[in-house]
C-alpha atoms as a PDB file:
ATOM      1  CA  MET A   1      39.451 -64.595  19.342  1.00  0.00           C
ATOM      2  CA  GLY A   2      37.927 -61.449  20.818  1.00  0.00           C
ATOM      3  CA  HIS A   3      38.640 -60.486  24.410  1.00  0.00           C
ATOM      4  CA  LEU A   4      35.529 -60.912  26.585  1.00  0.00           C
ATOM      5  CA  ASP A   5      34.861 -58.490  29.426  1.00  0.00           C
ATOM      6  CA  HIS A   6      32.158 -59.601  31.875  1.00  0.00           C
ATOM      7  CA  ALA A   7      32.236 -56.423  33.995  1.00  0.00           C
ATOM      8  CA  THR A   8      32.683 -53.389  31.782  1.00  0.00           C
ATOM      9  CA  PHE A   9      31.113 -51.258  34.555  1.00  0.00           C
ATOM     10  CA  GLY A  10      33.212 -52.807  37.309  1.00  0.00           C
ATOM     11  CA  TRP A  11      31.399 -54.486  40.208  1.00  0.00           C
ATOM     12  CA  LEU A  12      28.164 -52.569  39.591  1.00  0.00           C
ATOM     13  CA  THR A  13      26.471 -55.071  37.272  1.00  0.00           C
ATOM     14  CA  PRO A  14      27.558 -58.252  39.140  1.00  0.00           C
ATOM     15  CA  ALA A  15      26.411 -56.789  42.469  1.00  0.00           C
ATOM     16  CA  LEU A  16      23.125 -55.493  41.075  1.00  0.00           C
ATOM     17  CA  SER A  17      22.399 -58.748  39.244  1.00  0.00           C
ATOM     18  CA  TYR A  18      23.061 -60.699  42.453  1.00  0.00           C
ATOM     19  CA  ALA A  19      20.630 -58.419  44.301  1.00  0.00           C
ATOM     20  CA  MET A  20      17.961 -59.081  41.655  1.00  0.00           C
ATOM     21  CA  ALA A  21      18.474 -62.839  41.966  1.00  0.00           C
ATOM     22  CA  CYS A  22      18.142 -62.630  45.770  1.00  0.00           C
ATOM     23  CA  VAL A  23      14.971 -60.529  45.623  1.00  0.00           C
ATOM     24  CA  GLY A  24      13.362 -62.888  43.116  1.00  0.00           C
ATOM     25  CA  ALA A  25      14.329 -65.941  45.178  1.00  0.00           C
ATOM     26  CA  ALA A  26      13.097 -64.430  48.445  1.00  0.00           C
ATOM     27  CA  LEU A  27       9.783 -63.400  46.927  1.00  0.00           C
ATOM     28  CA  GLY A  28       9.330 -66.766  45.239  1.00  0.00           C
ATOM     29  CA  LEU A  29      10.079 -68.665  48.443  1.00  0.00           C
ATOM     30  CA  ARG A  30       7.683 -66.545  50.515  1.00  0.00           C
ATOM     31  CA  CYS A  31       4.920 -66.986  47.935  1.00  0.00           C
ATOM     32  CA  THR A  32       5.488 -70.751  47.833  1.00  0.00           C
ATOM     33  CA  VAL A  33       5.327 -70.927  51.640  1.00  0.00           C
ATOM     34  CA  ARG A  34       2.052 -68.970  51.523  1.00  0.00           C
ATOM     35  CA  ALA A  35       0.741 -71.319  48.830  1.00  0.00           C
ATOM     36  CA  LEU A  36       1.439 -74.417  50.915  1.00  0.00           C
ATOM     37  CA  ASP A  37      -0.648 -72.925  53.746  1.00  0.00           C
ATOM     38  CA  ALA A  38      -3.541 -72.098  51.398  1.00  0.00           C
ATOM     39  CA  THR A  39      -6.103 -74.122  49.476  1.00  0.00           C
ATOM     40  CA  GLY A  40      -8.117 -73.854  46.266  1.00  0.00           C
ATOM     41  CA  ARG A  41      -7.817 -70.735  44.153  1.00  0.00           C
ATOM     42  CA  SER A  42      -5.680 -68.972  46.750  1.00  0.00           C
ATOM     43  CA  ARG A  43      -2.983 -71.661  46.477  1.00  0.00           C
ATOM     44  CA  ARG A  44      -3.000 -71.409  42.699  1.00  0.00           C
ATOM     45  CA  ASN A  45      -2.641 -67.615  42.807  1.00  0.00           C
ATOM     46  CA  TRP A  46       0.265 -67.768  45.257  1.00  0.00           C
ATOM     47  CA  LEU A  47       2.026 -70.357  43.094  1.00  0.00           C
ATOM     48  CA  LEU A  48       1.548 -68.215  39.983  1.00  0.00           C
ATOM     49  CA  THR A  49       3.054 -65.263  41.831  1.00  0.00           C
ATOM     50  CA  ALA A  50       5.952 -67.437  42.989  1.00  0.00           C
ATOM     51  CA  ALA A  51       6.660 -68.635  39.444  1.00  0.00           C
ATOM     52  CA  SER A  52       6.565 -65.127  38.000  1.00  0.00           C
ATOM     53  CA  ALA A  53       8.809 -63.821  40.808  1.00  0.00           C
ATOM     54  CA  ILE A  54      11.475 -66.507  40.487  1.00  0.00           C
ATOM     55  CA  GLY A  55      11.396 -66.461  36.684  1.00  0.00           C
ATOM     56  CA  THR A  56      11.500 -62.667  36.536  1.00  0.00           C
ATOM     57  CA  GLY A  57      14.268 -62.509  39.141  1.00  0.00           C
ATOM     58  CA  ILE A  58      16.456 -64.995  37.271  1.00  0.00           C
ATOM     59  CA  TRP A  59      15.853 -63.305  33.904  1.00  0.00           C
ATOM     60  CA  THR A  60      16.548 -59.856  35.349  1.00  0.00           C
ATOM     61  CA  MET A  61      19.704 -61.176  37.010  1.00  0.00           C
ATOM     62  CA  HIS A  62      20.933 -62.572  33.686  1.00  0.00           C
ATOM     63  CA  PHE A  63      20.343 -59.462  31.616  1.00  0.00           C
ATOM     64  CA  VAL A  64      21.505 -56.980  34.256  1.00  0.00           C
ATOM     65  CA  ALA A  65      24.753 -58.975  34.259  1.00  0.00           C
ATOM     66  CA  MET A  66      24.734 -58.829  30.446  1.00  0.00           C
ATOM     67  CA  LEU A  67      24.726 -55.023  30.654  1.00  0.00           C
ATOM     68  CA  GLY A  68      28.359 -55.377  31.670  1.00  0.00           C
ATOM     69  CA  PHE A  69      29.271 -57.845  28.920  1.00  0.00           C
ATOM     70  CA  GLY A  70      31.501 -56.639  26.108  1.00  0.00           C
ATOM     71  CA  VAL A  71      33.647 -58.123  23.336  1.00  0.00           C
ATOM     72  CA  THR A  72      36.687 -56.308  21.982  1.00  0.00           C
ATOM     73  CA  GLY A  73      36.404 -55.556  18.271  1.00  0.00           C
ATOM     74  CA  THR A  74      32.615 -55.725  17.857  1.00  0.00           C
ATOM     75  CA  ASP A  75      29.413 -54.081  18.962  1.00  0.00           C
ATOM     76  CA  ILE A  76      26.664 -56.162  20.572  1.00  0.00           C
ATOM     77  CA  ARG A  77      22.966 -56.201  19.812  1.00  0.00           C
ATOM     78  CA  PHE A  78      20.101 -58.380  21.086  1.00  0.00           C
ATOM     79  CA  ASP A  79      17.371 -60.092  19.077  1.00  0.00           C
ATOM     80  CA  VAL A  80      14.174 -58.762  20.653  1.00  0.00           C
ATOM     81  CA  PRO A  81      11.818 -61.744  20.018  1.00  0.00           C
ATOM     82  CA  LEU A  82      14.374 -64.268  21.316  1.00  0.00           C
ATOM     83  CA  THR A  83      15.038 -62.143  24.391  1.00  0.00           C
ATOM     84  CA  ILE A  84      11.329 -61.960  25.219  1.00  0.00           C
ATOM     85  CA  LEU A  85      11.011 -65.708  24.555  1.00  0.00           C
ATOM     86  CA  SER A  86      13.753 -66.344  27.126  1.00  0.00           C
ATOM     87  CA  LEU A  87      11.664 -64.464  29.728  1.00  0.00           C
ATOM     88  CA  VAL A  88       8.533 -66.447  28.868  1.00  0.00           C
ATOM     89  CA  VAL A  89      10.464 -69.730  29.058  1.00  0.00           C
ATOM     90  CA  ALA A  90      11.911 -68.771  32.447  1.00  0.00           C
ATOM     91  CA  MET A  91       8.498 -68.079  33.991  1.00  0.00           C
ATOM     92  CA  ALA A  92       6.733 -71.023  32.304  1.00  0.00           C
ATOM     93  CA  VAL A  93       9.267 -73.700  33.214  1.00  0.00           C
ATOM     94  CA  VAL A  94       9.768 -72.372  36.731  1.00  0.00           C
ATOM     95  CA  GLY A  95       5.972 -72.460  37.023  1.00  0.00           C
ATOM     96  CA  VAL A  96       5.951 -76.167  36.146  1.00  0.00           C
ATOM     97  CA  GLY A  97       8.464 -76.855  38.905  1.00  0.00           C
ATOM     98  CA  VAL A  98       6.680 -74.728  41.498  1.00  0.00           C
ATOM     99  CA  PHE A  99       3.296 -76.295  40.755  1.00  0.00           C
ATOM    100  CA  ALA A 100       4.838 -79.773  40.948  1.00  0.00           C
ATOM    101  CA  VAL A 101       5.930 -78.981  44.495  1.00  0.00           C
ATOM    102  CA  GLY A 102       2.747 -77.103  45.402  1.00  0.00           C
ATOM    103  CA  TYR A 103       0.367 -79.887  44.376  1.00  0.00           C
ATOM    104  CA  GLY A 104       2.540 -83.002  44.561  1.00  0.00           C
ATOM    105  CA  ARG A 105       1.581 -85.613  47.158  1.00  0.00           C
ATOM    106  CA  ASP A 106       4.915 -87.404  47.203  1.00  0.00           C
ATOM    107  CA  ARG A 107       7.274 -84.682  48.390  1.00  0.00           C
ATOM    108  CA  VAL A 108      10.504 -86.404  47.415  1.00  0.00           C
ATOM    109  CA  ARG A 109       9.366 -87.151  43.875  1.00  0.00           C
ATOM    110  CA  SER A 110       7.808 -83.705  43.498  1.00  0.00           C
ATOM    111  CA  LEU A 111      11.030 -82.098  44.685  1.00  0.00           C
ATOM    112  CA  LEU A 112      13.161 -84.070  42.236  1.00  0.00           C
ATOM    113  CA  VAL A 113      10.829 -83.439  39.291  1.00  0.00           C
ATOM    114  CA  GLY A 114      10.387 -79.787  40.188  1.00  0.00           C
ATOM    115  CA  GLY A 115      14.109 -79.219  40.738  1.00  0.00           C
ATOM    116  CA  LEU A 116      15.097 -80.896  37.477  1.00  0.00           C
ATOM    117  CA  THR A 117      12.420 -79.071  35.481  1.00  0.00           C
ATOM    118  CA  THR A 118      13.165 -75.693  37.017  1.00  0.00           C
ATOM    119  CA  GLY A 119      16.930 -76.111  36.670  1.00  0.00           C
ATOM    120  CA  VAL A 120      16.706 -77.066  33.014  1.00  0.00           C
ATOM    121  CA  GLY A 121      14.339 -74.128  32.509  1.00  0.00           C
ATOM    122  CA  VAL A 122      16.810 -71.708  34.091  1.00  0.00           C
ATOM    123  CA  ALA A 123      19.607 -73.045  31.886  1.00  0.00           C
ATOM    124  CA  SER A 124      17.344 -72.830  28.823  1.00  0.00           C
ATOM    125  CA  MET A 125      16.578 -69.208  29.639  1.00  0.00           C
ATOM    126  CA  HIS A 126      20.298 -68.453  29.929  1.00  0.00           C
ATOM    127  CA  TYR A 127      21.278 -70.042  26.621  1.00  0.00           C
ATOM    128  CA  LEU A 128      18.257 -68.611  24.806  1.00  0.00           C
ATOM    129  CA  GLY A 129      19.423 -65.228  26.034  1.00  0.00           C
ATOM    130  CA  MET A 130      22.892 -65.981  24.697  1.00  0.00           C
ATOM    131  CA  ALA A 131      21.383 -67.085  21.376  1.00  0.00           C
ATOM    132  CA  ALA A 132      19.818 -63.623  21.169  1.00  0.00           C
ATOM    133  CA  LEU A 133      23.307 -62.060  20.957  1.00  0.00           C
ATOM    134  CA  ARG A 134      24.128 -60.410  17.670  1.00  0.00           C
ATOM    135  CA  LEU A 135      27.769 -59.463  16.996  1.00  0.00           C
ATOM    136  CA  HIS A 136      30.403 -59.511  14.275  1.00  0.00           C
ATOM    137  CA  GLY A 137      31.773 -63.010  14.732  1.00  0.00           C
ATOM    138  CA  ASP A 138      30.970 -66.550  15.765  1.00  0.00           C
ATOM    139  CA  VAL A 139      29.965 -67.557  19.293  1.00  0.00           C
ATOM    140  CA  ARG A 140      31.105 -70.949  20.607  1.00  0.00           C
ATOM    141  CA  PHE A 141      30.718 -72.675  23.967  1.00  0.00           C
ATOM    142  CA  ASP A 142      32.970 -74.931  26.020  1.00  0.00           C
ATOM    143  CA  PRO A 143      30.847 -78.110  26.406  1.00  0.00           C
ATOM    144  CA  LEU A 144      32.314 -78.962  29.833  1.00  0.00           C
ATOM    145  CA  LEU A 145      31.498 -75.567  31.336  1.00  0.00           C
ATOM    146  CA  VAL A 146      28.044 -75.650  29.759  1.00  0.00           C
ATOM    147  CA  GLY A 147      27.388 -78.984  31.485  1.00  0.00           C
ATOM    148  CA  VAL A 148      28.667 -77.604  34.800  1.00  0.00           C
ATOM    149  CA  SER A 149      26.390 -74.565  34.480  1.00  0.00           C
ATOM    150  CA  VAL A 150      23.335 -76.751  33.859  1.00  0.00           C
ATOM    151  CA  LEU A 151      24.250 -78.914  36.865  1.00  0.00           C
ATOM    152  CA  ILE A 152      24.556 -75.815  39.049  1.00  0.00           C
ATOM    153  CA  ALA A 153      21.146 -74.650  37.833  1.00  0.00           C
ATOM    154  CA  VAL A 154      19.488 -77.981  38.697  1.00  0.00           C
ATOM    155  CA  VAL A 155      21.109 -78.148  42.143  1.00  0.00           C
ATOM    156  CA  ALA A 156      20.212 -74.517  42.873  1.00  0.00           C
ATOM    157  CA  ALA A 157      16.590 -75.006  41.786  1.00  0.00           C
ATOM    158  CA  THR A 158      16.224 -78.189  43.839  1.00  0.00           C
ATOM    159  CA  ALA A 159      17.708 -76.467  46.899  1.00  0.00           C
ATOM    160  CA  ALA A 160      15.327 -73.521  46.473  1.00  0.00           C
ATOM    161  CA  LEU A 161      12.267 -75.762  46.236  1.00  0.00           C
ATOM    162  CA  TRP A 162      13.470 -77.793  49.243  1.00  0.00           C
ATOM    163  CA  ALA A 163      13.756 -74.541  51.175  1.00  0.00           C
ATOM    164  CA  ALA A 164      10.199 -73.615  50.184  1.00  0.00           C
ATOM    165  CA  LEU A 165       8.949 -76.931  51.569  1.00  0.00           C
ATOM    166  CA  ASN A 166      10.952 -76.923  54.790  1.00  0.00           C
ATOM    167  CA  ILE A 167      11.776 -73.331  55.733  1.00  0.00           C
ATOM    168  CA  HIS A 168       9.034 -71.032  56.962  1.00  0.00           C
ATOM    169  CA  SER A 169      10.473 -68.304  59.187  1.00  0.00           C
ATOM    170  CA  PRO A 170      11.263 -64.979  57.435  1.00  0.00           C
ATOM    171  CA  ALA A 171      14.871 -65.011  58.689  1.00  0.00           C
ATOM    172  CA  ALA A 172      15.494 -68.502  57.317  1.00  0.00           C
ATOM    173  CA  VAL A 173      13.903 -67.533  53.988  1.00  0.00           C
ATOM    174  CA  ALA A 174      16.206 -64.502  53.811  1.00  0.00           C
ATOM    175  CA  VAL A 175      19.280 -66.690  54.321  1.00  0.00           C
ATOM    176  CA  ALA A 176      18.016 -69.224  51.764  1.00  0.00           C
ATOM    177  CA  SER A 177      17.431 -66.452  49.213  1.00  0.00           C
ATOM    178  CA  LEU A 178      21.017 -65.203  49.639  1.00  0.00           C
ATOM    179  CA  VAL A 179      22.298 -68.725  48.982  1.00  0.00           C
ATOM    180  CA  MET A 180      19.943 -69.139  46.022  1.00  0.00           C
ATOM    181  CA  GLY A 181      21.060 -65.791  44.590  1.00  0.00           C
ATOM    182  CA  ALA A 182      24.694 -66.865  44.852  1.00  0.00           C
ATOM    183  CA  ALA A 183      23.919 -70.182  43.146  1.00  0.00           C
ATOM    184  CA  VAL A 184      22.055 -68.510  40.268  1.00  0.00           C
ATOM    185  CA  SER A 185      24.854 -65.969  39.816  1.00  0.00           C
ATOM    186  CA  SER A 186      27.407 -68.793  39.824  1.00  0.00           C
ATOM    187  CA  MET A 187      25.417 -70.600  37.147  1.00  0.00           C
ATOM    188  CA  HIS A 188      25.303 -67.438  35.015  1.00  0.00           C
ATOM    189  CA  TYR A 189      28.997 -66.664  35.183  1.00  0.00           C
ATOM    190  CA  THR A 190      29.970 -70.307  34.705  1.00  0.00           C
ATOM    191  CA  GLY A 191      27.909 -70.232  31.509  1.00  0.00           C
ATOM    192  CA  MET A 192      29.526 -66.938  30.504  1.00  0.00           C
ATOM    193  CA  PHE A 193      33.034 -68.311  31.039  1.00  0.00           C
ATOM    194  CA  ALA A 194      32.063 -71.081  28.598  1.00  0.00           C
ATOM    195  CA  VAL A 195      31.648 -68.486  25.831  1.00  0.00           C
ATOM    196  CA  ARG A 196      34.257 -68.154  23.082  1.00  0.00           C
ATOM    197  CA  VAL A 197      33.906 -65.475  20.414  1.00  0.00           C
ATOM    198  CA  ASP A 198      35.791 -65.451  17.122  1.00  0.00           C
ATOM    199  CA  VAL A 199      35.496 -61.852  15.981  1.00  0.00           C
ATOM    200  CA  VAL A 200      35.119 -61.129  12.260  1.00  0.00           C
ATOM    201  CA  PRO A 201      35.647 -57.379  11.746  1.00  0.00           C
ATOM    202  CA  SER A 202      32.916 -55.786   9.674  1.00  0.00           C
ATOM    203  CA  GLY A 203      31.516 -52.356   9.057  1.00  0.00           C
ATOM    204  CA  ALA A 204      27.990 -53.663   8.487  1.00  0.00           C
ATOM    205  CA  SER A 205      25.276 -52.634  10.923  1.00  0.00           C
ATOM    206  CA  LEU A 206      24.044 -55.285  13.330  1.00  0.00           C
ATOM    207  CA  PRO A 207      20.349 -56.214  13.596  1.00  0.00           C
ATOM    208  CA  GLY A 208      18.567 -56.021  16.917  1.00  0.00           C
ATOM    209  CA  ALA A 209      18.506 -53.572  19.815  1.00  0.00           C
ATOM    210  CA  THR A 210      21.262 -52.263  22.046  1.00  0.00           C
ATOM    211  CA  VAL A 211      21.211 -52.956  25.765  1.00  0.00           C
ATOM    212  CA  MET A 212      20.193 -49.368  26.527  1.00  0.00           C
ATOM    213  CA  GLN A 213      17.411 -49.375  23.933  1.00  0.00           C
ATOM    214  CA  PHE A 214      15.748 -52.578  25.080  1.00  0.00           C
ATOM    215  CA  ILE A 215      17.401 -54.589  27.864  1.00  0.00           C
ATOM    216  CA  PHE A 216      17.932 -51.764  30.349  1.00  0.00           C
ATOM    217  CA  PRO A 217      14.337 -50.395  30.286  1.00  0.00           C
ATOM    218  CA  LEU A 218      12.873 -53.900  30.481  1.00  0.00           C
ATOM    219  CA  ALA A 219      15.185 -54.889  33.343  1.00  0.00           C
ATOM    220  CA  VAL A 220      14.255 -51.727  35.251  1.00  0.00           C
ATOM    221  CA  GLY A 221      10.555 -52.420  34.721  1.00  0.00           C
ATOM    222  CA  LEU A 222      10.797 -56.021  35.874  1.00  0.00           C
ATOM    223  CA  GLY A 223      12.967 -55.028  38.812  1.00  0.00           C
ATOM    224  CA  SER A 224      10.316 -52.530  39.873  1.00  0.00           C
ATOM    225  CA  TYR A 225       7.695 -55.279  39.617  1.00  0.00           C
ATOM    226  CA  LEU A 226       9.764 -57.454  41.951  1.00  0.00           C
ATOM    227  CA  PHE A 227      10.127 -54.746  44.582  1.00  0.00           C
ATOM    228  CA  ILE A 228       6.444 -53.719  44.448  1.00  0.00           C
ATOM    229  CA  THR A 229       5.287 -57.331  44.670  1.00  0.00           C
ATOM    230  CA  SER A 230       7.709 -57.913  47.556  1.00  0.00           C
ATOM    231  CA  ALA A 231       6.121 -55.033  49.452  1.00  0.00           C
ATOM    232  CA  PHE A 232       2.641 -56.429  48.770  1.00  0.00           C
ATOM    233  CA  VAL A 233       3.590 -59.896  50.009  1.00  0.00           C
ATOM    234  CA  ALA A 234       5.333 -58.496  53.084  1.00  0.00           C
ATOM    235  CA  LEU A 235       2.273 -56.442  54.056  1.00  0.00           C
ATOM    236  CA  SER A 236      -0.399 -59.066  53.313  1.00  0.00           C
ATOM    237  CA  PRO A 237      -1.362 -61.204  56.340  1.00  0.00           C
ATOM    238  CA  THR A 238      -0.556 -64.892  56.401  1.00  0.00           C
ATOM    239  CA  ALA A 239      -3.233 -67.586  56.754  1.00  0.00           C
ATOM    240  CA  LYS A 240      -2.436 -67.935  60.465  1.00  0.00           C
ATOM    241  CA  GLU A 241      -2.698 -64.180  60.984  1.00  0.00           C
ATOM    242  CA  ARG A 242      -6.069 -64.057  59.204  1.00  0.00           C
ATOM    243  CA  ALA A 243      -7.323 -66.925  61.360  1.00  0.00           C
ATOM    244  CA  ALA A 244      -6.154 -65.106  64.492  1.00  0.00           C
ATOM    245  CA  TYR A 245      -7.897 -61.894  63.394  1.00  0.00           C
ATOM    246  CA  ALA A 246     -11.112 -63.788  62.677  1.00  0.00           C
ATOM    247  CA  SER A 247     -10.954 -65.546  66.048  1.00  0.00           C
ATOM    248  CA  ALA A 248     -10.385 -62.243  67.851  1.00  0.00           C
ATOM    249  CA  GLY A 249     -13.322 -60.708  66.002  1.00  0.00           C
ATOM    250  CA  ARG A 250     -15.628 -63.533  67.061  1.00  0.00           C
ATOM    251  CA  LEU A 251     -14.606 -63.104  70.693  1.00  0.00           C
ATOM    252  CA  THR A 252     -15.416 -59.372  70.736  1.00  0.00           C
ATOM    253  CA  GLU A 253     -18.742 -59.531  68.876  1.00  0.00           C
ATOM    254  CA  PRO A 254     -21.965 -59.675  70.980  1.00  0.00           C
ATOM    255  CA  ASP A 255     -23.781 -62.972  70.726  1.00  0.00           C
ATOM    256  CA  ASP A 256     -27.299 -62.326  69.399  1.00  0.00           C
ATOM    257  CA  ARG A 257     -28.160 -65.957  70.056  1.00  0.00           C
ATOM    258  CA  ALA A 258     -28.005 -65.517  73.883  1.00  0.00           C
ATOM    259  CA  VAL A 259     -31.205 -66.693  75.618  1.00  0.00           C
ATOM    260  CA  ASP A 260     -32.748 -65.045  78.660  1.00  0.00           C
ATOM    261  CA  VAL A 261     -33.305 -67.915  81.085  1.00  0.00           C
ATOM    262  CA  ALA A 262     -34.660 -65.831  84.000  1.00  0.00           C
ATOM    263  CA  PRO A 263     -38.009 -67.134  85.317  1.00  0.00           C
ATOM    264  CA  PRO A 264     -41.195 -65.228  84.442  1.00  0.00           C
ATOM    265  CA  GLY A 265     -41.714 -62.142  86.644  1.00  0.00           C
ATOM    266  CA  PHE A 266     -38.150 -62.197  87.967  1.00  0.00           C
ATOM    267  CA  ARG A 267     -36.917 -59.127  86.081  1.00  0.00           C
ATOM    268  CA  ALA A 268     -40.161 -57.224  86.830  1.00  0.00           C
ATOM    269  CA  ALA A 269     -39.700 -57.894  90.555  1.00  0.00           C
ATOM    270  CA  GLN A 270     -36.076 -56.823  90.416  1.00  0.00           C
ATOM    271  CA  THR A 271     -37.095 -53.580  88.719  1.00  0.00           C
ATOM    272  CA  ALA A 272     -39.760 -52.877  91.368  1.00  0.00           C
ATOM    273  CA  ARG A 273     -37.229 -53.306  94.194  1.00  0.00           C
ATOM    274  CA  THR A 274     -34.701 -50.963  92.578  1.00  0.00           C
ATOM    275  CA  PRO A 275     -34.964 -47.556  94.348  1.00  0.00           C
ATOM    276  CA  ALA A 276     -35.695 -44.584  92.168  1.00  0.00           C
ATOM    277  CA  ASN A 277     -33.020 -41.950  91.749  1.00  0.00           C
END
């Protein structure tokens, strides 16, 4: 069995992947909070942004961590279509969970359905990403650790959606995102510790792309999207702030509907009594 190294670059990839998970969680939570305060098309748009942020953050976390994954005795390549499919699955299934919470009338049921759906989606993304691995050998998984990783994903997703429903202050969202990032990272590495690789030495070339050819540029691009979207969300006013601005604007505008109720001749008499300069 080949020796597996989950941190070939030291603590760089685990720390960076954790940061990506936290940014995605924080952005997703803030967008979900905004969605719950909005209505109509605005709510839908905020929920779509939340789903893309959480899904992108989780996917980026997974593959940034995979940059540090190595197996002694074999090179590693990634199947490009399967890797992209794992990203699509992450955003789509997270979107189902977020919309269940955003539009559900029964909060408890919506939370349970959304948490289960999102958690299974996160786990599906992880194992689709692992299925995209191409190496000289056979990849096996410890069933017990796989089950634990899926359970962690469901609990983490449910906790994140609960936070979106119940936590509104920026400081509380920041703390919740740190916890969510830790939970997602725990799920990833639990799933990685379930991996067993039986290396079969071969001189044949492997199909697929290397991490630097495909994964690294895509992860950098998606990470940039997360940071830019975070800045946009942070700078955009909330519904309460917009209402306050509108109210302040109405108070400072002159009222064209004012009616002059002075009796006829009153203003003319007042003008006549005013001494000339």
